[in-house]
C-alpha cells in the first residue's frame, strides 16, 4: 500500500512539474497567452448560452436535456484539452531529444 501511495505521489509531482513548465513556457508570450484564454472563455460562454436558449425553446433534443448535453460537452472538452496538451508535450520532447542527439 505504501509503495502504491509513494508512486502516486511521484506521478502527481511529475504532472504538477509539467503543468508549471508548460505554464511558464506559455507565459513567455503573455499577450498571446491571455488573448487565447479570453477567447476560449468567450467561446465557452457563447456555447453554453446557445444551448441554454435552445433548450428553453425545445424541451429535449432526441431525448437529451440541457444537463445531458452540457455534461457530454464538458467531458469531451476536458479530454480534448488534455489530449492536445499531451501531444504538444510529446512533440516538444521528441523534437528536442532529436536536436540533442545530433
PDB file of N, CA and C in Angstrom:
ATOM      1  N   UNK A   1       0.828  -1.198   0.000  1.00  0.00           N
ATOM      2  CA  UNK A   1       0.000   0.000   0.000  1.00  0.00           C
ATOM      3  C   UNK A   1       0.872   1.262   0.000  1.00  0.00           C
ATOM      4  N   UNK A   2       1.941   1.218   0.823  1.00  0.00           N
ATOM      5  CA  UNK A   2       2.826   2.373   0.896  1.00  0.00           C
ATOM      6  C   UNK A   2       3.511   2.625  -0.444  1.00  0.00           C
ATOM      7  N   UNK A   3       3.902   1.523  -1.124  1.00  0.00           N
ATOM      8  CA  UNK A   3       4.561   1.640  -2.415  1.00  0.00           C
ATOM      9  C   UNK A   3       3.636   2.295  -3.446  1.00  0.00           C
ATOM     10  N   UNK A   4       2.363   1.900  -3.427  1.00  0.00           N
ATOM     11  CA  UNK A   4       1.384   2.456  -4.349  1.00  0.00           C
ATOM     12  C   UNK A   4       1.166   3.944  -4.075  1.00  0.00           C
ATOM     13  N   UNK A   5       1.058   4.308  -2.821  1.00  0.00           N
ATOM     14  CA  UNK A   5       0.886   5.713  -2.445  1.00  0.00           C
ATOM     15  C   UNK A   5       2.105   6.526  -2.838  1.00  0.00           C
ATOM     16  N   UNK A   6       3.284   5.968  -2.624  1.00  0.00           N
ATOM     17  CA  UNK A   6       4.517   6.660  -2.988  1.00  0.00           C
ATOM     18  C   UNK A   6       4.596   6.883  -4.501  1.00  0.00           C
ATOM     19  N   UNK A   7       4.202   5.860  -5.289  1.00  0.00           N
ATOM     20  CA  UNK A   7       4.195   6.005  -6.739  1.00  0.00           C
ATOM     21  C   UNK A   7       3.209   7.068  -7.181  1.00  0.00           C
ATOM     22  N   UNK A   8       2.033   7.063  -6.573  1.00  0.00           N
ATOM     23  CA  UNK A   8       1.011   8.046  -6.923  1.00  0.00           C
ATOM     24  C   UNK A   8       1.506   9.457  -6.635  1.00  0.00           C
ATOM     25  N   UNK A   9       2.137   9.652  -5.505  1.00  0.00           N
ATOM     26  CA  UNK A   9       2.672  10.971  -5.149  1.00  0.00           C
ATOM     27  C   UNK A   9       3.758  11.381  -6.140  1.00  0.00           C
ATOM     28  N   UNK A  10       4.609  10.440  -6.539  1.00  0.00           N
ATOM     29  CA  UNK A  10       5.645  10.748  -7.526  1.00  0.00           C
ATOM     30  C   UNK A  10       5.039  11.158  -8.856  1.00  0.00           C
ATOM     31  N   UNK A  11       4.002  10.434  -9.323  1.00  0.00           N
ATOM     32  CA  UNK A  11       3.351  10.775 -10.587  1.00  0.00           C
ATOM     33  C   UNK A  11       2.651  12.127 -10.502  1.00  0.00           C
ATOM     34  N   UNK A  12       1.997  12.411  -9.396  1.00  0.00           N
ATOM     35  CA  UNK A  12       1.335  13.706  -9.234  1.00  0.00           C
ATOM     36  C   UNK A  12       2.356  14.839  -9.189  1.00  0.00           C
ATOM     37  N   UNK A  13       3.481  14.591  -8.553  1.00  0.00           N
ATOM     38  CA  UNK A  13       4.545  15.587  -8.514  1.00  0.00           C
ATOM     39  C   UNK A  13       5.091  15.849  -9.912  1.00  0.00           C
ATOM     40  N   UNK A  14       5.272  14.790 -10.700  1.00  0.00           N
ATOM     41  CA  UNK A  14       5.748  14.949 -12.068  1.00  0.00           C
ATOM     42  C   UNK A  14       4.713  15.702 -12.914  1.00  0.00           C
ATOM     43  N   UNK A  15       3.434  15.352 -12.756  1.00  0.00           N
ATOM     44  CA  UNK A  15       2.379  16.030 -13.508  1.00  0.00           C
ATOM     45  C   UNK A  15       2.347  17.511 -13.150  1.00  0.00           C
ATOM     46  N   UNK A  16       2.484  17.833 -11.878  1.00  0.00           N
ATOM     47  CA  UNK A  16       2.497  19.230 -11.450  1.00  0.00           C
ATOM     48  C   UNK A  16       3.703  19.953 -12.047  1.00  0.00           C
ATOM     49  N   UNK A  17       4.833  19.291 -12.124  1.00  0.00           N
ATOM     50  CA  UNK A  17       6.021  19.901 -12.737  1.00  0.00           C
ATOM     51  C   UNK A  17       5.780  20.208 -14.209  1.00  0.00           C
ATOM     52  N   UNK A  18       5.124  19.288 -14.923  1.00  0.00           N
ATOM     53  CA  UNK A  18       4.779  19.531 -16.327  1.00  0.00           C
ATOM     54  C   UNK A  18       3.816  20.710 -16.464  1.00  0.00           C
ATOM     55  N   UNK A  19       2.844  20.784 -15.588  1.00  0.00           N
ATOM     56  CA  UNK A  19       1.887  21.899 -15.633  1.00  0.00           C
ATOM     57  C   UNK A  19       2.619  23.217 -15.440  1.00  0.00           C
ATOM     58  N   UNK A  20       3.483  23.282 -14.443  1.00  0.00           N
ATOM     59  CA  UNK A  20       4.245  24.508 -14.179  1.00  0.00           C
ATOM     60  C   UNK A  20       5.154  24.864 -15.358  1.00  0.00           C
ATOM     61  N   UNK A  21       5.837  23.857 -15.898  1.00  0.00           N
ATOM     62  CA  UNK A  21       6.734  24.087 -17.028  1.00  0.00           C
ATOM     63  C   UNK A  21       5.962  24.628 -18.226  1.00  0.00           C
ATOM     64  N   UNK A  22       4.837  24.012 -18.542  1.00  0.00           N
ATOM     65  CA  UNK A  22       4.035  24.468 -19.674  1.00  0.00           C
ATOM     66  C   UNK A  22       3.449  25.853 -19.429  1.00  0.00           C
ATOM     67  N   UNK A  23       3.041  26.124 -18.199  1.00  0.00           N
ATOM     68  CA  UNK A  23       2.515  27.454 -17.888  1.00  0.00           C
ATOM     69  C   UNK A  23       3.580  28.521 -18.098  1.00  0.00           C
ATOM     70  N   UNK A  24       4.782  28.273 -17.597  1.00  0.00           N
ATOM     71  CA  UNK A  24       5.846  29.261 -17.761  1.00  0.00           C
ATOM     72  C   UNK A  24       6.274  29.403 -19.228  1.00  0.00           C
ATOM     73  N   UNK A  25       6.209  28.295 -19.964  1.00  0.00           N
ATOM     74  CA  UNK A  25       6.523  28.377 -21.396  1.00  0.00           C
ATOM     75  C   UNK A  25       5.483  29.232 -22.113  1.00  0.00           C
ATOM     76  N   UNK A  26       4.214  29.069 -21.748  1.00  0.00           N
ATOM     77  CA  UNK A  26       3.153  29.873 -22.362  1.00  0.00           C
ATOM     78  C   UNK A  26       3.250  31.336 -21.940  1.00  0.00           C
ATOM     79  N   UNK A  27       3.697  31.593 -20.742  1.00  0.00           N
ATOM     80  CA  UNK A  27       3.780  32.975 -20.239  1.00  0.00           C
ATOM     81  C   UNK A  27       4.933  33.750 -20.883  1.00  0.00           C
ATOM     82  N   UNK A  28       5.750  33.067 -21.669  1.00  0.00           N
ATOM     83  CA  UNK A  28       6.816  33.768 -22.378  1.00  0.00           C
ATOM     84  C   UNK A  28       6.223  34.769 -23.372  1.00  0.00           C
ATOM     85  N   UNK A  29       5.084  34.412 -23.939  1.00  0.00           N
ATOM     86  CA  UNK A  29       4.354  35.295 -24.850  1.00  0.00           C
ATOM     87  C   UNK A  29       3.025  35.648 -24.181  1.00  0.00           C
ATOM     88  N   UNK A  30       3.083  36.586 -23.248  1.00  0.00           N
ATOM     89  CA  UNK A  30       1.936  36.864 -22.382  1.00  0.00           C
ATOM     90  C   UNK A  30       0.707  37.340 -23.144  1.00  0.00           C
ATOM     91  N   UNK A  31       0.890  38.200 -24.125  1.00  0.00           N
ATOM     92  CA  UNK A  31      -0.276  38.729 -24.856  1.00  0.00           C
ATOM     93  C   UNK A  31      -0.985  37.604 -25.603  1.00  0.00           C
ATOM     94  N   UNK A  32      -0.235  36.725 -26.238  1.00  0.00           N
ATOM     95  CA  UNK A  32      -0.841  35.601 -26.958  1.00  0.00           C
ATOM     96  C   UNK A  32      -1.535  34.649 -25.984  1.00  0.00           C
ATOM     97  N   UNK A  33      -0.907  34.412 -24.846  1.00  0.00           N
ATOM     98  CA  UNK A  33      -1.494  33.528 -23.843  1.00  0.00           C
ATOM     99  C   UNK A  33      -2.818  34.076 -23.344  1.00  0.00           C
ATOM    100  N   UNK A  34      -2.825  35.337 -22.928  1.00  0.00           N
ATOM    101  CA  UNK A  34      -4.051  35.904 -22.363  1.00  0.00           C
ATOM    102  C   UNK A  34      -5.135  36.098 -23.411  1.00  0.00           C
ATOM    103  N   UNK A  35      -4.769  36.408 -24.642  1.00  0.00           N
ATOM    104  CA  UNK A  35      -5.796  36.520 -25.686  1.00  0.00           C
ATOM    105  C   UNK A  35      -6.407  35.149 -25.974  1.00  0.00           C
ATOM    106  N   UNK A  36      -5.612  34.097 -25.911  1.00  0.00           N
ATOM    107  CA  UNK A  36      -6.146  32.754 -26.102  1.00  0.00           C
ATOM    108  C   UNK A  36      -7.057  32.368 -24.948  1.00  0.00           C
ATOM    109  N   UNK A  37      -6.671  32.683 -23.730  1.00  0.00           N
ATOM    110  CA  UNK A  37      -7.503  32.368 -22.565  1.00  0.00           C
ATOM    111  C   UNK A  37      -8.834  33.101 -22.650  1.00  0.00           C
ATOM    112  N   UNK A  38      -8.794  34.389 -22.944  1.00  0.00           N
ATOM    113  CA  UNK A  38     -10.027  35.182 -23.034  1.00  0.00           C
ATOM    114  C   UNK A  38     -10.901  34.681 -24.182  1.00  0.00           C
ATOM    115  N   UNK A  39     -10.286  34.371 -25.313  1.00  0.00           N
ATOM    116  CA  UNK A  39     -11.038  33.846 -26.454  1.00  0.00           C
ATOM    117  C   UNK A  39     -11.733  32.535 -26.140  1.00  0.00           C
ATOM    118  N   UNK A  40     -11.052  31.643 -25.442  1.00  0.00           N
ATOM    119  CA  UNK A  40     -11.671  30.363 -25.093  1.00  0.00           C
ATOM    120  C   UNK A  40     -12.784  30.546 -24.059  1.00  0.00           C
ATOM    121  N   UNK A  41     -12.610  31.455 -23.117  1.00  0.00           N
ATOM    122  CA  UNK A  41     -13.674  31.709 -22.146  1.00  0.00           C
ATOM    123  C   UNK A  41     -14.906  32.257 -22.848  1.00  0.00           C
ATOM    124  N   UNK A  42     -14.707  33.209 -23.765  1.00  0.00           N
ATOM    125  CA  UNK A  42     -15.842  33.746 -24.524  1.00  0.00           C
ATOM    126  C   UNK A  42     -16.499  32.665 -25.375  1.00  0.00           C
ATOM    127  N   UNK A  43     -15.695  31.848 -26.030  1.00  0.00           N
ATOM    128  CA  UNK A  43     -16.225  30.762 -26.845  1.00  0.00           C
ATOM    129  C   UNK A  43     -17.083  29.818 -26.006  1.00  0.00           C
ATOM    130  N   UNK A  44     -16.592  29.425 -24.855  1.00  0.00           N
ATOM    131  CA  UNK A  44     -17.341  28.508 -23.990  1.00  0.00           C
ATOM    132  C   UNK A  44     -18.625  29.143 -23.477  1.00  0.00           C
ATOM    133  N   UNK A  45     -18.568  30.428 -23.122  1.00  0.00           N
ATOM    134  CA  UNK A  45     -19.775  31.121 -22.643  1.00  0.00           C
ATOM    135  C   UNK A  45     -20.828  31.215 -23.742  1.00  0.00           C
ATOM    136  N   UNK A  46     -20.421  31.537 -24.956  1.00  0.00           N
ATOM    137  CA  UNK A  46     -21.368  31.611 -26.074  1.00  0.00           C
ATOM    138  C   UNK A  46     -21.978  30.241 -26.327  1.00  0.00           C
ATOM    139  N   UNK A  47     -21.180  29.201 -26.243  1.00  0.00           N
ATOM    140  CA  UNK A  47     -21.676  27.847 -26.452  1.00  0.00           C
ATOM    141  C   UNK A  47     -22.731  27.483 -25.410  1.00  0.00           C
ATOM    142  N   UNK A  48     -22.455  27.786 -24.155  1.00  0.00           N
ATOM    143  CA  UNK A  48     -23.405  27.484 -23.077  1.00  0.00           C
ATOM    144  C   UNK A  48     -24.685  28.292 -23.245  1.00  0.00           C
ATOM    145  N   UNK A  49     -24.570  29.564 -23.590  1.00  0.00           N
ATOM    146  CA  UNK A  49     -25.750  30.399 -23.809  1.00  0.00           C
ATOM    147  C   UNK A  49     -26.575  29.859 -24.977  1.00  0.00           C
ATOM    148  N   UNK A  50     -25.914  29.473 -26.059  1.00  0.00           N
ATOM    149  CA  UNK A  50     -26.627  28.934 -27.213  1.00  0.00           C
ATOM    150  C   UNK A  50     -27.477  27.734 -26.828  1.00  0.00           C
ATOM    151  N   UNK A  51     -26.887  26.744 -26.158  1.00  0.00           N
ATOM    152  CA  UNK A  51     -27.640  25.547 -25.804  1.00  0.00           C
ATOM    153  C   UNK A  51     -28.695  25.844 -24.750  1.00  0.00           C
ATOM    154  N   UNK A  52     -28.427  26.759 -23.852  1.00  0.00           N
ATOM    155  CA  UNK A  52     -29.443  27.136 -22.862  1.00  0.00           C
ATOM    156  C   UNK A  52     -30.650  27.767 -23.537  1.00  0.00           C
ATOM    157  N   UNK A  53     -30.416  28.658 -24.486  1.00  0.00           N
ATOM    158  CA  UNK A  53     -31.520  29.283 -25.229  1.00  0.00           C
ATOM    159  C   UNK A  53     -32.245  28.231 -26.058  1.00  0.00           C
ATOM    160  N   UNK A  54     -31.503  27.345 -26.690  1.00  0.00           N
ATOM    161  CA  UNK A  54     -32.109  26.286 -27.486  1.00  0.00           C
ATOM    162  C   UNK A  54     -33.051  25.439 -26.636  1.00  0.00           C
ATOM    163  N   UNK A  55     -32.605  25.056 -25.440  1.00  0.00           N
ATOM    164  CA  UNK A  55     -33.420  24.190 -24.606  1.00  0.00           C
ATOM    165  C   UNK A  55     -34.531  24.937 -23.874  1.00  0.00           C
ATOM    166  N   UNK A  56     -34.524  26.269 -23.867  1.00  0.00           N
ATOM    167  CA  UNK A  56     -35.698  26.977 -23.357  1.00  0.00           C
ATOM    168  C   UNK A  56     -36.821  26.936 -24.388  1.00  0.00           C
ATOM    169  N   UNK A  57     -36.454  26.823 -25.643  1.00  0.00           N
ATOM    170  CA  UNK A  57     -37.469  26.744 -26.718  1.00  0.00           C
ATOM    171  C   UNK A  57     -37.963  25.310 -26.916  1.00  0.00           C
ATOM    172  N   UNK A  58     -37.061  24.343 -26.834  1.00  0.00           N
ATOM    173  CA  UNK A  58     -37.409  22.931 -27.007  1.00  0.00           C
ATOM    174  C   UNK A  58     -37.029  22.188 -25.734  1.00  0.00           C
ATOM    175  N   UNK A  59     -37.892  21.259 -25.319  1.00  0.00           N
ATOM    176  CA  UNK A  59     -37.637  20.530 -24.065  1.00  0.00           C
ATOM    177  C   UNK A  59     -36.448  19.575 -24.150  1.00  0.00           C
ATOM    178  N   UNK A  60     -36.343  18.892 -25.265  1.00  0.00           N
ATOM    179  CA  UNK A  60     -35.225  17.961 -25.411  1.00  0.00           C
ATOM    180  C   UNK A  60     -34.858  17.840 -26.879  1.00  0.00           C
ATOM    181  N   UNK A  61     -33.727  17.229 -27.090  1.00  0.00           N
ATOM    182  CA  UNK A  61     -33.208  17.022 -28.448  1.00  0.00           C
ATOM    183  C   UNK A  61     -32.929  15.533 -28.594  1.00  0.00           C
ATOM    184  N   UNK A  62     -33.894  14.828 -29.133  1.00  0.00           N
ATOM    185  CA  UNK A  62     -33.751  13.374 -29.268  1.00  0.00           C
ATOM    186  C   UNK A  62     -33.626  12.676 -27.932  1.00  0.00           C
ATOM    187  N   UNK A  63     -34.290  13.181 -26.912  1.00  0.00           N
ATOM    188  CA  UNK A  63     -34.223  12.598 -25.575  1.00  0.00           C
ATOM    189  C   UNK A  63     -33.135  13.192 -24.690  1.00  0.00           C
ATOM    190  N   UNK A  64     -32.333  14.074 -25.225  1.00  0.00           N
ATOM    191  CA  UNK A  64     -31.254  14.705 -24.461  1.00  0.00           C
ATOM    192  C   UNK A  64     -31.748  16.023 -23.884  1.00  0.00           C
ATOM    193  N   UNK A  65     -31.464  16.246 -22.611  1.00  0.00           N
ATOM    194  CA  UNK A  65     -31.803  17.510 -21.970  1.00  0.00           C
ATOM    195  C   UNK A  65     -30.570  18.404 -21.951  1.00  0.00           C
ATOM    196  N   UNK A  66     -30.755  19.635 -21.499  1.00  0.00           N
ATOM    197  CA  UNK A  66     -29.621  20.567 -21.441  1.00  0.00           C
ATOM    198  C   UNK A  66     -28.529  20.038 -20.509  1.00  0.00           C
ATOM    199  N   UNK A  67     -28.932  19.399 -19.426  1.00  0.00           N
ATOM    200  CA  UNK A  67     -27.950  18.841 -18.491  1.00  0.00           C
ATOM    201  C   UNK A  67     -27.104  17.751 -19.164  1.00  0.00           C
ATOM    202  N   UNK A  68     -27.748  16.901 -19.958  1.00  0.00           N
ATOM    203  CA  UNK A  68     -27.023  15.845 -20.666  1.00  0.00           C
ATOM    204  C   UNK A  68     -26.023  16.430 -21.665  1.00  0.00           C
ATOM    205  N   UNK A  69     -26.477  17.394 -22.432  1.00  0.00           N
ATOM    206  CA  UNK A  69     -25.615  17.996 -23.458  1.00  0.00           C
ATOM    207  C   UNK A  69     -24.425  18.700 -22.821  1.00  0.00           C
ATOM    208  N   UNK A  70     -24.665  19.469 -21.765  1.00  0.00           N
ATOM    209  CA  UNK A  70     -23.556  20.180 -21.105  1.00  0.00           C
ATOM    210  C   UNK A  70     -22.584  19.218 -20.442  1.00  0.00           C
ATOM    211  N   UNK A  71     -23.090  18.108 -19.908  1.00  0.00           N
ATOM    212  CA  UNK A  71     -22.201  17.125 -19.286  1.00  0.00           C
ATOM    213  C   UNK A  71     -21.299  16.477 -20.336  1.00  0.00           C
ATOM    214  N   UNK A  72     -21.867  16.033 -21.440  1.00  0.00           N
ATOM    215  CA  UNK A  72     -21.073  15.415 -22.505  1.00  0.00           C
ATOM    216  C   UNK A  72     -20.078  16.420 -23.069  1.00  0.00           C
ATOM    217  N   UNK A  73     -20.522  17.655 -23.261  1.00  0.00           N
ATOM    218  CA  UNK A  73     -19.623  18.686 -23.799  1.00  0.00           C
ATOM    219  C   UNK A  73     -18.453  18.935 -22.844  1.00  0.00           C
ATOM    220  N   UNK A  74     -18.728  19.054 -21.550  1.00  0.00           N
ATOM    221  CA  UNK A  74     -17.638  19.353 -20.612  1.00  0.00           C
ATOM    222  C   UNK A  74     -16.641  18.200 -20.539  1.00  0.00           C
ATOM    223  N   UNK A  75     -17.118  16.971 -20.582  1.00  0.00           N
ATOM    224  CA  UNK A  75     -16.206  15.825 -20.554  1.00  0.00           C
ATOM    225  C   UNK A  75     -15.354  15.787 -21.828  1.00  0.00           C
ATOM    226  N   UNK A  76     -15.995  15.990 -22.970  1.00  0.00           N
ATOM    227  CA  UNK A  76     -15.233  15.927 -24.224  1.00  0.00           C
ATOM    228  C   UNK A  76     -14.263  17.100 -24.352  1.00  0.00           C
ATOM    229  N   UNK A  77     -14.657  18.281 -23.906  1.00  0.00           N
ATOM    230  CA  UNK A  77     -13.757  19.440 -23.971  1.00  0.00           C
ATOM    231  C   UNK A  77     -12.553  19.237 -23.057  1.00  0.00           C
ATOM    232  N   UNK A  78     -12.796  18.697 -21.868  1.00  0.00           N
ATOM    233  CA  UNK A  78     -11.679  18.423 -20.958  1.00  0.00           C
ATOM    234  C   UNK A  78     -10.742  17.371 -21.513  1.00  0.00           C
ATOM    235  N   UNK A  79     -11.303  16.313 -22.098  1.00  0.00           N
ATOM    236  CA  UNK A  79     -10.484  15.263 -22.708  1.00  0.00           C
ATOM    237  C   UNK A  79      -9.694  15.778 -23.892  1.00  0.00           C
ATOM    238  N   UNK A  80     -10.333  16.613 -24.697  1.00  0.00           N
ATOM    239  CA  UNK A  80      -9.646  17.196 -25.854  1.00  0.00           C
ATOM    240  C   UNK A  80      -8.476  18.071 -25.392  1.00  0.00           C
ATOM    241  N   UNK A  81      -8.720  18.911 -24.401  1.00  0.00           N
ATOM    242  CA  UNK A  81      -7.661  19.784 -23.892  1.00  0.00           C
ATOM    243  C   UNK A  81      -6.497  18.999 -23.324  1.00  0.00           C
ATOM    244  N   UNK A  82      -6.801  17.954 -22.574  1.00  0.00           N
ATOM    245  CA  UNK A  82      -5.733  17.126 -22.002  1.00  0.00           C
ATOM    246  C   UNK A  82      -4.975  16.391 -23.099  1.00  0.00           C
ATOM    247  N   UNK A  83      -5.699  15.892 -24.104  1.00  0.00           N
ATOM    248  CA  UNK A  83      -5.051  15.174 -25.203  1.00  0.00           C
ATOM    249  C   UNK A  83      -4.152  16.070 -26.028  1.00  0.00           C
ATOM    250  N   UNK A  84      -4.615  17.263 -26.333  1.00  0.00           N
ATOM    251  CA  UNK A  84      -3.806  18.209 -27.110  1.00  0.00           C
ATOM    252  C   UNK A  84      -2.558  18.588 -26.327  1.00  0.00           C
ATOM    253  N   UNK A  85      -2.711  18.808 -25.038  1.00  0.00           N
ATOM    254  CA  UNK A  85      -1.552  19.168 -24.214  1.00  0.00           C
ATOM    255  C   UNK A  85      -0.548  18.024 -24.185  1.00  0.00           C
ATOM    256  N   UNK A  86      -1.040  16.794 -24.099  1.00  0.00           N
ATOM    257  CA  UNK A  86      -0.153  15.628 -24.092  1.00  0.00           C
ATOM    258  C   UNK A  86       0.584  15.500 -25.416  1.00  0.00           C
ATOM    259  N   UNK A  87      -0.136  15.672 -26.522  1.00  0.00           N
ATOM    260  CA  UNK A  87       0.508  15.594 -27.835  1.00  0.00           C
ATOM    261  C   UNK A  87       1.542  16.701 -28.016  1.00  0.00           C
ATOM    262  N   UNK A  88       1.220  17.888 -27.540  1.00  0.00           N
ATOM    263  CA  UNK A  88       2.165  19.001 -27.642  1.00  0.00           C
ATOM    264  C   UNK A  88       3.431  18.698 -26.853  1.00  0.00           C
ATOM    265  N   UNK A  89       3.261  18.149 -25.661  1.00  0.00           N
ATOM    266  CA  UNK A  89       4.413  17.831 -24.827  1.00  0.00           C
ATOM    267  C   UNK A  89       5.254  16.729 -25.472  1.00  0.00           C
ATOM    268  N   UNK A  90       4.600  15.725 -26.043  1.00  0.00           N
ATOM    269  CA  UNK A  90       5.332  14.638 -26.701  1.00  0.00           C
ATOM    270  C   UNK A  90       6.111  15.155 -27.909  1.00  0.00           C
ATOM    271  N   UNK A  91       5.466  15.983 -28.706  1.00  0.00           N
ATOM    272  CA  UNK A  91       6.147  16.538 -29.883  1.00  0.00           C
ATOM    273  C   UNK A  91       7.323  17.402 -29.462  1.00  0.00           C
ATOM    274  N   UNK A  92       7.148  18.219 -28.433  1.00  0.00           N
ATOM    275  CA  UNK A  92       8.207  19.080 -27.929  1.00  0.00           C
ATOM    276  C   UNK A  92       9.390  18.234 -27.457  1.00  0.00           C
ATOM    277  N   UNK A  93       9.109  17.183 -26.698  1.00  0.00           N
ATOM    278  CA  UNK A  93      10.160  16.325 -26.176  1.00  0.00           C
ATOM    279  C   UNK A  93      10.890  15.612 -27.307  1.00  0.00           C
ATOM    280  N   UNK A  94      10.126  15.075 -28.266  1.00  0.00           N
ATOM    281  CA  UNK A  94      10.754  14.363 -29.386  1.00  0.00           C
ATOM    282  C   UNK A  94      11.643  15.293 -30.207  1.00  0.00           C
ATOM    283  N   UNK A  95      11.180  16.510 -30.444  1.00  0.00           N
ATOM    284  CA  UNK A  95      11.954  17.460 -31.224  1.00  0.00           C
ATOM    285  C   UNK A  95      13.283  17.790 -30.535  1.00  0.00           C
ATOM    286  N   UNK A  96      13.221  18.087 -29.221  1.00  0.00           N
ATOM    287  CA  UNK A  96      14.446  18.481 -28.540  1.00  0.00           C
ATOM    288  C   UNK A  96      15.353  17.295 -28.265  1.00  0.00           C
ATOM    289  N   UNK A  97      14.780  16.104 -28.086  1.00  0.00           N
ATOM    290  CA  UNK A  97      15.636  14.921 -27.955  1.00  0.00           C
ATOM    291  C   UNK A  97      16.381  14.662 -29.256  1.00  0.00           C
ATOM    292  N   UNK A  98      15.692  14.872 -30.370  1.00  0.00           N
ATOM    293  CA  UNK A  98      16.322  14.687 -31.681  1.00  0.00           C
ATOM    294  C   UNK A  98      17.421  15.727 -31.885  1.00  0.00           C
ATOM    295  N   UNK A  99      17.179  16.965 -31.462  1.00  0.00           N
ATOM    296  CA  UNK A  99      18.163  18.034 -31.617  1.00  0.00           C
ATOM    297  C   UNK A  99      19.408  17.752 -30.766  1.00  0.00           C
ATOM    298  N   UNK A 100      19.200  17.222 -29.563  1.00  0.00           N
ATOM    299  CA  UNK A 100      20.322  16.949 -28.670  1.00  0.00           C
ATOM    300  C   UNK A 100      21.187  15.807 -29.183  1.00  0.00           C
ATOM    301  N   UNK A 101      20.571  14.831 -29.857  1.00  0.00           N
ATOM    302  CA  UNK A 101      21.341  13.649 -30.278  1.00  0.00           C
ATOM    303  C   UNK A 101      22.167  13.916 -31.517  1.00  0.00           C
ATOM    304  N   UNK A 102      21.906  15.001 -32.249  1.00  0.00           N
ATOM    305  CA  UNK A 102      22.681  15.276 -33.460  1.00  0.00           C
ATOM    306  C   UNK A 102      23.855  16.174 -33.181  1.00  0.00           C
TER     307      UNK A 102
END
